[in-house]
């Protein structure tokens, strides 16, 4: 408990959030749940959930962007934001739209998918993320009555292996891993990152500017701990690489030119020595001396 208090003291909201996490860590369903994975009615209309944090779309798209550029995303994967996850609990339809979700494999690849029912359509989501807003609280809700809270839905109904709660303003990243029926809060490594074995990537926070937003971001790092770049960063890296290659080519050209000049100078010296030798032979012959039978020097 002391660790939560000390960590939270660095953030005005930290103690409140982490204290809620402490209380929720052993959450269990007190009533029996009947969970079904049923398709939505064909005439069912999904309502768009309002975006509570104006930075949420930027944060979500940035997470996907670096994965796409790195070649991580495969056709059978589903990565989305504000996307309806569906389950029928005790004969009542429950839909939650996390700020970001990663599903390793879906049974059918669809370009216009509006919602997703696990088991029926593919894997259980492997990771869901929620970005805190001014109206935070639902991210920690273990409410079991209808409609169930997000925490309870992810932990007890879907049993999502990793649940991320991120505070974009303070930069606090909470990494909750599903173990033995409930979420356990995991500490980061010495670099402040979390290794996600199933993805082969690190997840951590990064502070800087992208487009019109300056602040904290969630970023991916590769197995070798290199930062997976965004498009603009990749373009800058490509520009620098092309510039370096151009400089190396210019240096090689200059070295080749220097070698050519040295070879030309050697050729000129050789020619000068040949001409000098011919003049000497001609002079000796004019004096009646055989250049090939010179008397020894005394």
C-alpha atoms as a PDB file:
ATOM      1  CA  UNK A   1       0.000   0.000   0.000  1.00  0.00           C
ATOM      2  CA  UNK A   2       2.897   2.363   0.676  1.00  0.00           C
ATOM      3  CA  UNK A   3       4.023   1.978  -2.950  1.00  0.00           C
ATOM      4  CA  UNK A   4       0.661   3.237  -4.229  1.00  0.00           C
ATOM      5  CA  UNK A   5       0.738   6.197  -1.856  1.00  0.00           C
ATOM      6  CA  UNK A   6       4.267   7.249  -2.825  1.00  0.00           C
ATOM      7  CA  UNK A   7       3.611   6.837  -6.546  1.00  0.00           C
ATOM      8  CA  UNK A   8       0.351   8.696  -6.380  1.00  0.00           C
ATOM      9  CA  UNK A   9       1.845  11.584  -4.440  1.00  0.00           C
ATOM     10  CA  UNK A  10       3.579  12.641  -7.649  1.00  0.00           C
ATOM     11  CA  UNK A  11       0.172  13.124  -9.331  1.00  0.00           C
ATOM     12  CA  UNK A  12      -2.862  14.834  -7.722  1.00  0.00           C
ATOM     13  CA  UNK A  13      -5.119  12.148  -9.189  1.00  0.00           C
ATOM     14  CA  UNK A  14      -2.672   9.300  -8.734  1.00  0.00           C
ATOM     15  CA  UNK A  15      -3.620   8.219  -5.231  1.00  0.00           C
ATOM     16  CA  UNK A  16      -7.333   8.281  -6.022  1.00  0.00           C
ATOM     17  CA  UNK A  17      -6.911   6.201  -9.164  1.00  0.00           C
ATOM     18  CA  UNK A  18      -4.520   3.690  -7.727  1.00  0.00           C
ATOM     19  CA  UNK A  19      -6.507   3.374  -4.526  1.00  0.00           C
ATOM     20  CA  UNK A  20      -9.507   2.445  -6.683  1.00  0.00           C
ATOM     21  CA  UNK A  21      -7.315  -0.087  -8.448  1.00  0.00           C
ATOM     22  CA  UNK A  22      -6.313  -1.562  -5.103  1.00  0.00           C
ATOM     23  CA  UNK A  23      -9.941  -2.010  -4.133  1.00  0.00           C
ATOM     24  CA  UNK A  24     -10.809  -3.561  -7.485  1.00  0.00           C
ATOM     25  CA  UNK A  25      -7.934  -5.987  -7.833  1.00  0.00           C
ATOM     26  CA  UNK A  26      -9.841  -8.865  -6.300  1.00  0.00           C
ATOM     27  CA  UNK A  27     -13.160  -8.134  -7.996  1.00  0.00           C
ATOM     28  CA  UNK A  28     -15.281 -11.193  -8.619  1.00  0.00           C
ATOM     29  CA  UNK A  29     -18.823 -11.584  -9.876  1.00  0.00           C
ATOM     30  CA  UNK A  30     -21.106 -12.068  -6.851  1.00  0.00           C
ATOM     31  CA  UNK A  31     -23.960 -13.319  -9.022  1.00  0.00           C
ATOM     32  CA  UNK A  32     -23.820 -16.059 -11.609  1.00  0.00           C
ATOM     33  CA  UNK A  33     -23.257 -14.783 -15.122  1.00  0.00           C
ATOM     34  CA  UNK A  34     -24.692 -16.347 -18.233  1.00  0.00           C
ATOM     35  CA  UNK A  35     -22.612 -15.091 -21.135  1.00  0.00           C
ATOM     36  CA  UNK A  36     -23.571 -15.681 -24.752  1.00  0.00           C
ATOM     37  CA  UNK A  37     -21.785 -14.627 -27.916  1.00  0.00           C
ATOM     38  CA  UNK A  38     -24.689 -13.812 -30.195  1.00  0.00           C
ATOM     39  CA  UNK A  39     -24.824 -11.775 -33.414  1.00  0.00           C
ATOM     40  CA  UNK A  40     -26.435  -8.357 -33.270  1.00  0.00           C
ATOM     41  CA  UNK A  41     -29.916  -8.115 -34.788  1.00  0.00           C
ATOM     42  CA  UNK A  42     -29.650  -7.018 -38.410  1.00  0.00           C
ATOM     43  CA  UNK A  43     -31.709  -3.915 -37.729  1.00  0.00           C
ATOM     44  CA  UNK A  44     -29.710  -2.983 -34.615  1.00  0.00           C
ATOM     45  CA  UNK A  45     -28.406   0.593 -34.730  1.00  0.00           C
ATOM     46  CA  UNK A  46     -25.112   1.237 -32.968  1.00  0.00           C
ATOM     47  CA  UNK A  47     -24.902   4.671 -31.414  1.00  0.00           C
ATOM     48  CA  UNK A  48     -21.653   6.596 -31.692  1.00  0.00           C
ATOM     49  CA  UNK A  49     -20.227   7.207 -28.255  1.00  0.00           C
ATOM     50  CA  UNK A  50     -19.104  10.802 -27.723  1.00  0.00           C
ATOM     51  CA  UNK A  51     -15.361  11.313 -27.522  1.00  0.00           C
ATOM     52  CA  UNK A  52     -14.789  12.630 -24.005  1.00  0.00           C
ATOM     53  CA  UNK A  53     -11.158  13.605 -24.612  1.00  0.00           C
ATOM     54  CA  UNK A  54     -10.344  15.640 -27.716  1.00  0.00           C
ATOM     55  CA  UNK A  55      -6.898  14.056 -27.798  1.00  0.00           C
ATOM     56  CA  UNK A  56      -8.318  10.520 -27.821  1.00  0.00           C
ATOM     57  CA  UNK A  57      -8.510  10.134 -31.631  1.00  0.00           C
ATOM     58  CA  UNK A  58      -4.924  11.359 -31.971  1.00  0.00           C
ATOM     59  CA  UNK A  59      -3.670   8.996 -29.253  1.00  0.00           C
ATOM     60  CA  UNK A  60      -5.477   6.026 -30.774  1.00  0.00           C
ATOM     61  CA  UNK A  61      -4.407   6.702 -34.357  1.00  0.00           C
ATOM     62  CA  UNK A  62      -0.791   7.230 -33.272  1.00  0.00           C
ATOM     63  CA  UNK A  63      -0.735   3.785 -31.635  1.00  0.00           C
ATOM     64  CA  UNK A  64      -1.955   2.137 -34.827  1.00  0.00           C
ATOM     65  CA  UNK A  65       0.205   4.274 -37.115  1.00  0.00           C
ATOM     66  CA  UNK A  66       3.542   3.059 -35.771  1.00  0.00           C
ATOM     67  CA  UNK A  67       2.351  -0.569 -35.797  1.00  0.00           C
ATOM     68  CA  UNK A  68       1.292  -0.232 -39.420  1.00  0.00           C
ATOM     69  CA  UNK A  69       4.523   1.414 -40.542  1.00  0.00           C
ATOM     70  CA  UNK A  70       6.612  -1.240 -38.775  1.00  0.00           C
ATOM     71  CA  UNK A  71       4.772  -4.043 -40.593  1.00  0.00           C
ATOM     72  CA  UNK A  72       3.286  -5.486 -37.402  1.00  0.00           C
ATOM     73  CA  UNK A  73      -0.332  -5.391 -38.563  1.00  0.00           C
ATOM     74  CA  UNK A  74      -1.512  -8.447 -40.487  1.00  0.00           C
ATOM     75  CA  UNK A  75      -4.772  -8.854 -42.453  1.00  0.00           C
ATOM     76  CA  UNK A  76      -6.363 -11.128 -39.844  1.00  0.00           C
ATOM     77  CA  UNK A  77      -5.817  -8.616 -37.031  1.00  0.00           C
ATOM     78  CA  UNK A  78      -8.354  -6.075 -35.855  1.00  0.00           C
ATOM     79  CA  UNK A  79      -7.161  -2.790 -34.370  1.00  0.00           C
ATOM     80  CA  UNK A  80      -9.769  -0.116 -33.773  1.00  0.00           C
ATOM     81  CA  UNK A  81     -10.864   2.738 -31.526  1.00  0.00           C
ATOM     82  CA  UNK A  82     -14.319   3.634 -30.158  1.00  0.00           C
ATOM     83  CA  UNK A  83     -15.395   0.292 -31.540  1.00  0.00           C
ATOM     84  CA  UNK A  84     -18.274  -1.700 -30.048  1.00  0.00           C
ATOM     85  CA  UNK A  85     -17.359  -4.931 -28.225  1.00  0.00           C
ATOM     86  CA  UNK A  86     -20.508  -6.987 -27.716  1.00  0.00           C
ATOM     87  CA  UNK A  87     -21.637  -9.712 -25.336  1.00  0.00           C
ATOM     88  CA  UNK A  88     -25.012 -10.929 -24.133  1.00  0.00           C
ATOM     89  CA  UNK A  89     -24.953 -11.124 -20.334  1.00  0.00           C
ATOM     90  CA  UNK A  90     -27.914 -12.695 -18.559  1.00  0.00           C
ATOM     91  CA  UNK A  91     -29.931 -12.213 -21.767  1.00  0.00           C
ATOM     92  CA  UNK A  92     -29.131  -8.502 -21.937  1.00  0.00           C
ATOM     93  CA  UNK A  93     -26.935  -7.043 -24.679  1.00  0.00           C
ATOM     94  CA  UNK A  94     -23.857  -5.216 -23.401  1.00  0.00           C
ATOM     95  CA  UNK A  95     -21.725  -3.061 -25.686  1.00  0.00           C
ATOM     96  CA  UNK A  96     -18.572  -1.241 -24.621  1.00  0.00           C
ATOM     97  CA  UNK A  97     -16.402   0.845 -26.939  1.00  0.00           C
ATOM     98  CA  UNK A  98     -12.813   1.053 -25.639  1.00  0.00           C
ATOM     99  CA  UNK A  99     -10.623   3.906 -26.795  1.00  0.00           C
ATOM    100  CA  UNK A 100      -8.285   1.357 -28.405  1.00  0.00           C
ATOM    101  CA  UNK A 101      -8.510  -2.395 -28.909  1.00  0.00           C
ATOM    102  CA  UNK A 102      -6.235  -5.059 -30.388  1.00  0.00           C
ATOM    103  CA  UNK A 103      -7.638  -8.419 -31.507  1.00  0.00           C
ATOM    104  CA  UNK A 104      -5.014 -10.868 -32.876  1.00  0.00           C
ATOM    105  CA  UNK A 105      -7.282 -12.889 -35.172  1.00  0.00           C
ATOM    106  CA  UNK A 106     -10.761 -12.463 -36.596  1.00  0.00           C
ATOM    107  CA  UNK A 107     -12.558 -15.132 -38.593  1.00  0.00           C
ATOM    108  CA  UNK A 108     -13.616 -12.805 -41.396  1.00  0.00           C
ATOM    109  CA  UNK A 109     -11.745  -9.725 -42.607  1.00  0.00           C
ATOM    110  CA  UNK A 110     -14.226  -6.872 -43.124  1.00  0.00           C
ATOM    111  CA  UNK A 111     -13.469  -3.309 -44.172  1.00  0.00           C
ATOM    112  CA  UNK A 112     -16.718  -1.830 -42.818  1.00  0.00           C
ATOM    113  CA  UNK A 113     -17.017  -3.649 -39.505  1.00  0.00           C
ATOM    114  CA  UNK A 114     -19.065  -1.638 -36.996  1.00  0.00           C
ATOM    115  CA  UNK A 115     -18.915  -3.958 -33.982  1.00  0.00           C
ATOM    116  CA  UNK A 116     -17.316  -7.164 -32.808  1.00  0.00           C
ATOM    117  CA  UNK A 117     -18.633 -10.134 -30.841  1.00  0.00           C
ATOM    118  CA  UNK A 118     -15.762 -12.234 -29.422  1.00  0.00           C
ATOM    119  CA  UNK A 119     -15.781 -16.030 -29.904  1.00  0.00           C
ATOM    120  CA  UNK A 120     -18.514 -15.664 -32.538  1.00  0.00           C
ATOM    121  CA  UNK A 121     -16.295 -13.549 -34.822  1.00  0.00           C
ATOM    122  CA  UNK A 122     -12.804 -14.405 -33.610  1.00  0.00           C
ATOM    123  CA  UNK A 123     -10.437 -14.077 -30.668  1.00  0.00           C
ATOM    124  CA  UNK A 124     -11.136 -12.427 -27.359  1.00  0.00           C
ATOM    125  CA  UNK A 125      -9.484  -8.973 -27.496  1.00  0.00           C
ATOM    126  CA  UNK A 126      -5.926  -9.264 -26.261  1.00  0.00           C
ATOM    127  CA  UNK A 127      -5.572  -5.652 -25.176  1.00  0.00           C
ATOM    128  CA  UNK A 128      -7.988  -2.808 -24.516  1.00  0.00           C
ATOM    129  CA  UNK A 129      -7.109   0.762 -23.596  1.00  0.00           C
ATOM    130  CA  UNK A 130      -9.011   3.570 -21.973  1.00  0.00           C
ATOM    131  CA  UNK A 131      -7.744   7.174 -21.940  1.00  0.00           C
ATOM    132  CA  UNK A 132      -8.813   9.127 -18.878  1.00  0.00           C
ATOM    133  CA  UNK A 133     -10.875  12.257 -19.362  1.00  0.00           C
ATOM    134  CA  UNK A 134     -12.226  14.913 -17.035  1.00  0.00           C
ATOM    135  CA  UNK A 135     -15.173  12.605 -16.406  1.00  0.00           C
ATOM    136  CA  UNK A 136     -13.005   9.626 -15.466  1.00  0.00           C
ATOM    137  CA  UNK A 137     -14.312   6.904 -13.202  1.00  0.00           C
ATOM    138  CA  UNK A 138     -16.088   4.534 -15.573  1.00  0.00           C
ATOM    139  CA  UNK A 139     -12.698   3.055 -16.469  1.00  0.00           C
ATOM    140  CA  UNK A 140     -12.513   1.692 -12.896  1.00  0.00           C
ATOM    141  CA  UNK A 141     -16.159   0.767 -12.548  1.00  0.00           C
ATOM    142  CA  UNK A 142     -16.738  -2.766 -11.251  1.00  0.00           C
ATOM    143  CA  UNK A 143     -20.504  -2.335 -11.310  1.00  0.00           C
ATOM    144  CA  UNK A 144     -22.116  -5.737 -11.842  1.00  0.00           C
ATOM    145  CA  UNK A 145     -25.701  -4.600 -12.354  1.00  0.00           C
ATOM    146  CA  UNK A 146     -26.866  -3.698 -15.829  1.00  0.00           C
ATOM    147  CA  UNK A 147     -25.171  -1.993 -17.558  1.00  0.00           C
ATOM    148  CA  UNK A 148     -21.935  -3.363 -16.065  1.00  0.00           C
ATOM    149  CA  UNK A 149     -18.929  -1.114 -15.569  1.00  0.00           C
ATOM    150  CA  UNK A 150     -16.014  -1.175 -17.973  1.00  0.00           C
ATOM    151  CA  UNK A 151     -13.602  -2.760 -15.496  1.00  0.00           C
ATOM    152  CA  UNK A 152     -16.081  -5.540 -14.739  1.00  0.00           C
ATOM    153  CA  UNK A 153     -16.892  -6.024 -18.434  1.00  0.00           C
ATOM    154  CA  UNK A 154     -13.233  -6.376 -19.472  1.00  0.00           C
ATOM    155  CA  UNK A 155     -12.163  -8.412 -16.440  1.00  0.00           C
ATOM    156  CA  UNK A 156     -15.064 -10.744 -15.691  1.00  0.00           C
ATOM    157  CA  UNK A 157     -17.063 -10.944 -18.915  1.00  0.00           C
ATOM    158  CA  UNK A 158     -14.510 -10.723 -21.730  1.00  0.00           C
ATOM    159  CA  UNK A 159     -11.481 -11.568 -19.552  1.00  0.00           C
ATOM    160  CA  UNK A 160      -9.210  -9.404 -21.697  1.00  0.00           C
ATOM    161  CA  UNK A 161      -5.586 -10.346 -20.878  1.00  0.00           C
ATOM    162  CA  UNK A 162      -4.289  -6.747 -20.739  1.00  0.00           C
ATOM    163  CA  UNK A 163      -6.216  -3.648 -19.713  1.00  0.00           C
ATOM    164  CA  UNK A 164      -4.439  -0.305 -20.098  1.00  0.00           C
ATOM    165  CA  UNK A 165      -5.626   2.871 -18.397  1.00  0.00           C
ATOM    166  CA  UNK A 166      -3.710   5.955 -19.518  1.00  0.00           C
ATOM    167  CA  UNK A 167      -3.852   9.517 -18.242  1.00  0.00           C
ATOM    168  CA  UNK A 168      -2.799  11.702 -21.208  1.00  0.00           C
ATOM    169  CA  UNK A 169      -2.468  14.798 -19.022  1.00  0.00           C
ATOM    170  CA  UNK A 170      -0.278  13.355 -16.273  1.00  0.00           C
ATOM    171  CA  UNK A 171       1.399  10.606 -18.304  1.00  0.00           C
ATOM    172  CA  UNK A 172       0.426   7.860 -15.844  1.00  0.00           C
ATOM    173  CA  UNK A 173       0.242   4.441 -17.510  1.00  0.00           C
ATOM    174  CA  UNK A 174      -1.501   1.661 -15.601  1.00  0.00           C
ATOM    175  CA  UNK A 175      -0.804  -1.818 -16.991  1.00  0.00           C
ATOM    176  CA  UNK A 176      -3.279  -4.375 -15.665  1.00  0.00           C
ATOM    177  CA  UNK A 177      -2.756  -8.043 -16.508  1.00  0.00           C
ATOM    178  CA  UNK A 178      -5.415 -10.710 -16.065  1.00  0.00           C
ATOM    179  CA  UNK A 179      -4.201 -13.405 -13.650  1.00  0.00           C
ATOM    180  CA  UNK A 180      -6.231 -16.001 -11.771  1.00  0.00           C
ATOM    181  CA  UNK A 181      -9.548 -14.352 -12.440  1.00  0.00           C
ATOM    182  CA  UNK A 182      -8.725 -10.685 -11.836  1.00  0.00           C
ATOM    183  CA  UNK A 183      -6.475  -7.849 -12.959  1.00  0.00           C
ATOM    184  CA  UNK A 184      -3.089  -7.316 -11.326  1.00  0.00           C
ATOM    185  CA  UNK A 185      -1.297  -3.994 -11.643  1.00  0.00           C
ATOM    186  CA  UNK A 186       2.186  -4.540 -13.128  1.00  0.00           C
ATOM    187  CA  UNK A 187       5.255  -2.399 -12.572  1.00  0.00           C
ATOM    188  CA  UNK A 188       7.261  -1.167 -15.566  1.00  0.00           C
ATOM    189  CA  UNK A 189      10.906  -2.055 -16.195  1.00  0.00           C
ATOM    190  CA  UNK A 190      13.857   0.241 -15.483  1.00  0.00           C
ATOM    191  CA  UNK A 191      13.048   2.219 -18.645  1.00  0.00           C
ATOM    192  CA  UNK A 192       9.455   2.766 -17.610  1.00  0.00           C
ATOM    193  CA  UNK A 193       8.118   0.306 -20.205  1.00  0.00           C
ATOM    194  CA  UNK A 194       6.139  -2.921 -20.200  1.00  0.00           C
ATOM    195  CA  UNK A 195       7.171  -5.928 -22.262  1.00  0.00           C
ATOM    196  CA  UNK A 196       4.203  -7.442 -24.131  1.00  0.00           C
ATOM    197  CA  UNK A 197       5.450 -10.931 -24.945  1.00  0.00           C
ATOM    198  CA  UNK A 198       2.549 -11.880 -27.198  1.00  0.00           C
ATOM    199  CA  UNK A 199       3.183  -8.839 -29.409  1.00  0.00           C
ATOM    200  CA  UNK A 200       6.966  -8.870 -29.204  1.00  0.00           C
ATOM    201  CA  UNK A 201       6.891  -5.178 -28.284  1.00  0.00           C
ATOM    202  CA  UNK A 202       7.393  -2.810 -25.387  1.00  0.00           C
ATOM    203  CA  UNK A 203       4.677  -0.329 -24.412  1.00  0.00           C
ATOM    204  CA  UNK A 204       5.538   2.873 -22.614  1.00  0.00           C
ATOM    205  CA  UNK A 205       5.012   6.623 -22.444  1.00  0.00           C
ATOM    206  CA  UNK A 206       6.747   9.300 -24.483  1.00  0.00           C
ATOM    207  CA  UNK A 207       6.568  13.068 -24.194  1.00  0.00           C
ATOM    208  CA  UNK A 208       6.635  15.292 -27.243  1.00  0.00           C
ATOM    209  CA  UNK A 209       4.661  16.769 -30.132  1.00  0.00           C
ATOM    210  CA  UNK A 210       2.708  15.156 -32.946  1.00  0.00           C
ATOM    211  CA  UNK A 211       0.469  17.170 -35.257  1.00  0.00           C
ATOM    212  CA  UNK A 212      -1.284  19.784 -33.108  1.00  0.00           C
ATOM    213  CA  UNK A 213      -0.897  17.989 -29.766  1.00  0.00           C
ATOM    214  CA  UNK A 214       2.000  18.331 -27.315  1.00  0.00           C
ATOM    215  CA  UNK A 215       2.063  16.111 -24.251  1.00  0.00           C
ATOM    216  CA  UNK A 216       2.266  12.477 -23.210  1.00  0.00           C
ATOM    217  CA  UNK A 217       1.742   9.659 -25.709  1.00  0.00           C
ATOM    218  CA  UNK A 218       1.680   5.882 -25.588  1.00  0.00           C
ATOM    219  CA  UNK A 219       4.436   4.496 -27.819  1.00  0.00           C
ATOM    220  CA  UNK A 220       5.721   1.106 -28.961  1.00  0.00           C
ATOM    221  CA  UNK A 221       9.344  -0.036 -28.835  1.00  0.00           C
ATOM    222  CA  UNK A 222      10.755  -3.052 -30.660  1.00  0.00           C
ATOM    223  CA  UNK A 223      12.454  -6.078 -29.139  1.00  0.00           C
ATOM    224  CA  UNK A 224      15.805  -4.322 -29.562  1.00  0.00           C
ATOM    225  CA  UNK A 225      14.285  -1.298 -27.753  1.00  0.00           C
ATOM    226  CA  UNK A 226      14.215   0.952 -30.820  1.00  0.00           C
ATOM    227  CA  UNK A 227      11.253   3.317 -30.946  1.00  0.00           C
ATOM    228  CA  UNK A 228       8.693   2.412 -33.607  1.00  0.00           C
ATOM    229  CA  UNK A 229       8.389   5.632 -35.613  1.00  0.00           C
ATOM    230  CA  UNK A 230       5.361   7.552 -36.748  1.00  0.00           C
ATOM    231  CA  UNK A 231       5.053   8.446 -40.433  1.00  0.00           C
ATOM    232  CA  UNK A 232       6.620  11.875 -40.071  1.00  0.00           C
ATOM    233  CA  UNK A 233       9.476  10.393 -38.031  1.00  0.00           C
ATOM    234  CA  UNK A 234       9.980   7.646 -40.608  1.00  0.00           C
ATOM    235  CA  UNK A 235      10.080  10.261 -43.366  1.00  0.00           C
ATOM    236  CA  UNK A 236      12.677  12.236 -41.441  1.00  0.00           C
ATOM    237  CA  UNK A 237      14.727   9.064 -40.848  1.00  0.00           C
ATOM    238  CA  UNK A 238      14.485   8.244 -44.566  1.00  0.00           C
ATOM    239  CA  UNK A 239      15.526  11.803 -45.449  1.00  0.00           C
ATOM    240  CA  UNK A 240      18.520  11.603 -43.134  1.00  0.00           C
ATOM    241  CA  UNK A 241      19.451   8.180 -44.503  1.00  0.00           C
ATOM    242  CA  UNK A 242      19.247   9.416 -48.093  1.00  0.00           C
ATOM    243  CA  UNK A 243      21.291  12.471 -47.161  1.00  0.00           C
ATOM    244  CA  UNK A 244      23.907  10.286 -45.460  1.00  0.00           C
ATOM    245  CA  UNK A 245      24.005   7.934 -48.442  1.00  0.00           C
ATOM    246  CA  UNK A 246      24.387  10.925 -50.746  1.00  0.00           C
ATOM    247  CA  UNK A 247      27.227  12.226 -48.596  1.00  0.00           C
ATOM    248  CA  UNK A 248      28.889   8.796 -48.625  1.00  0.00           C
ATOM    249  CA  UNK A 249      28.497   8.611 -52.405  1.00  0.00           C
ATOM    250  CA  UNK A 250      30.004  12.077 -52.735  1.00  0.00           C
ATOM    251  CA  UNK A 251      32.890  11.072 -50.496  1.00  0.00           C
ATOM    252  CA  UNK A 252      33.416   7.907 -52.548  1.00  0.00           C
ATOM    253  CA  UNK A 253      33.350   9.989 -55.724  1.00  0.00           C
ATOM    254  CA  UNK A 254      35.911  12.367 -54.261  1.00  0.00           C
ATOM    255  CA  UNK A 255      38.127   9.453 -53.196  1.00  0.00           C
ATOM    256  CA  UNK A 256      37.801   7.900 -56.650  1.00  0.00           C
ATOM    257  CA  UNK A 257      38.730  11.230 -58.211  1.00  0.00           C
ATOM    258  CA  UNK A 258      41.740  11.529 -55.921  1.00  0.00           C
ATOM    259  CA  UNK A 259      42.811   7.984 -56.844  1.00  0.00           C
ATOM    260  CA  UNK A 260      42.389   8.850 -60.520  1.00  0.00           C
ATOM    261  CA  UNK A 261      44.562  11.944 -60.103  1.00  0.00           C
ATOM    262  CA  UNK A 262      47.215   9.936 -58.254  1.00  0.00           C
ATOM    263  CA  UNK A 263      47.175   7.309 -60.999  1.00  0.00           C
ATOM    264  CA  UNK A 264      47.492  10.043 -63.636  1.00  0.00           C
ATOM    265  CA  UNK A 265      50.411  11.564 -61.760  1.00  0.00           C
ATOM    266  CA  UNK A 266      52.114   8.161 -61.524  1.00  0.00           C
ATOM    267  CA  UNK A 267      51.572   7.666 -65.244  1.00  0.00           C
ATOM    268  CA  UNK A 268      53.063  11.065 -65.978  1.00  0.00           C
ATOM    269  CA  UNK A 269      56.117  10.336 -63.778  1.00  0.00           C
ATOM    270  CA  UNK A 270      56.585   6.976 -65.525  1.00  0.00           C
ATOM    271  CA  UNK A 271      56.411   8.690 -68.896  1.00  0.00           C
ATOM    272  CA  UNK A 272      58.887  11.337 -67.830  1.00  0.00           C
ATOM    273  CA  UNK A 273      61.299   8.631 -66.596  1.00  0.00           C
ATOM    274  CA  UNK A 274      60.930   6.725 -69.918  1.00  0.00           C
ATOM    275  CA  UNK A 275      61.639   9.846 -71.956  1.00  0.00           C
ATOM    276  CA  UNK A 276      64.635  10.704 -69.763  1.00  0.00           C
ATOM    277  CA  UNK A 277      66.018   7.187 -70.213  1.00  0.00           C
ATOM    278  CA  UNK A 278      65.600   7.382 -73.984  1.00  0.00           C
ATOM    279  CA  UNK A 279      67.457  10.715 -74.093  1.00  0.00           C
ATOM    280  CA  UNK A 280      70.285   9.236 -72.007  1.00  0.00           C
ATOM    281  CA  UNK A 281      70.595   6.182 -74.290  1.00  0.00           C
ATOM    282  CA  UNK A 282      70.626   8.419 -77.343  1.00  0.00           C
ATOM    283  CA  UNK A 283      73.363  10.578 -75.834  1.00  0.00           C
ATOM    284  CA  UNK A 284      75.535   7.575 -74.938  1.00  0.00           C
ATOM    285  CA  UNK A 285      75.146   6.135 -78.416  1.00  0.00           C
ATOM    286  CA  UNK A 286      76.149   9.513 -79.911  1.00  0.00           C
ATOM    287  CA  UNK A 287      79.351   9.254 -77.885  1.00  0.00           C
ATOM    288  CA  UNK A 288      80.104   5.762 -79.165  1.00  0.00           C
ATOM    289  CA  UNK A 289      79.177   4.087 -75.920  1.00  0.00           C
ATOM    290  CA  UNK A 290      77.086   0.953 -75.815  1.00  0.00           C
ATOM    291  CA  UNK A 291      74.385   1.590 -73.209  1.00  0.00           C
ATOM    292  CA  UNK A 292      74.147  -2.150 -72.621  1.00  0.00           C
ATOM    293  CA  UNK A 293      77.891  -2.556 -72.007  1.00  0.00           C
ATOM    294  CA  UNK A 294      78.863   0.294 -69.753  1.00  0.00           C
ATOM    295  CA  UNK A 295      82.258   0.148 -67.980  1.00  0.00           C
ATOM    296  CA  UNK A 296      82.041  -0.309 -64.228  1.00  0.00           C
ATOM    297  CA  UNK A 297      82.145   2.781 -62.073  1.00  0.00           C
ATOM    298  CA  UNK A 298      85.406   3.241 -60.139  1.00  0.00           C
END
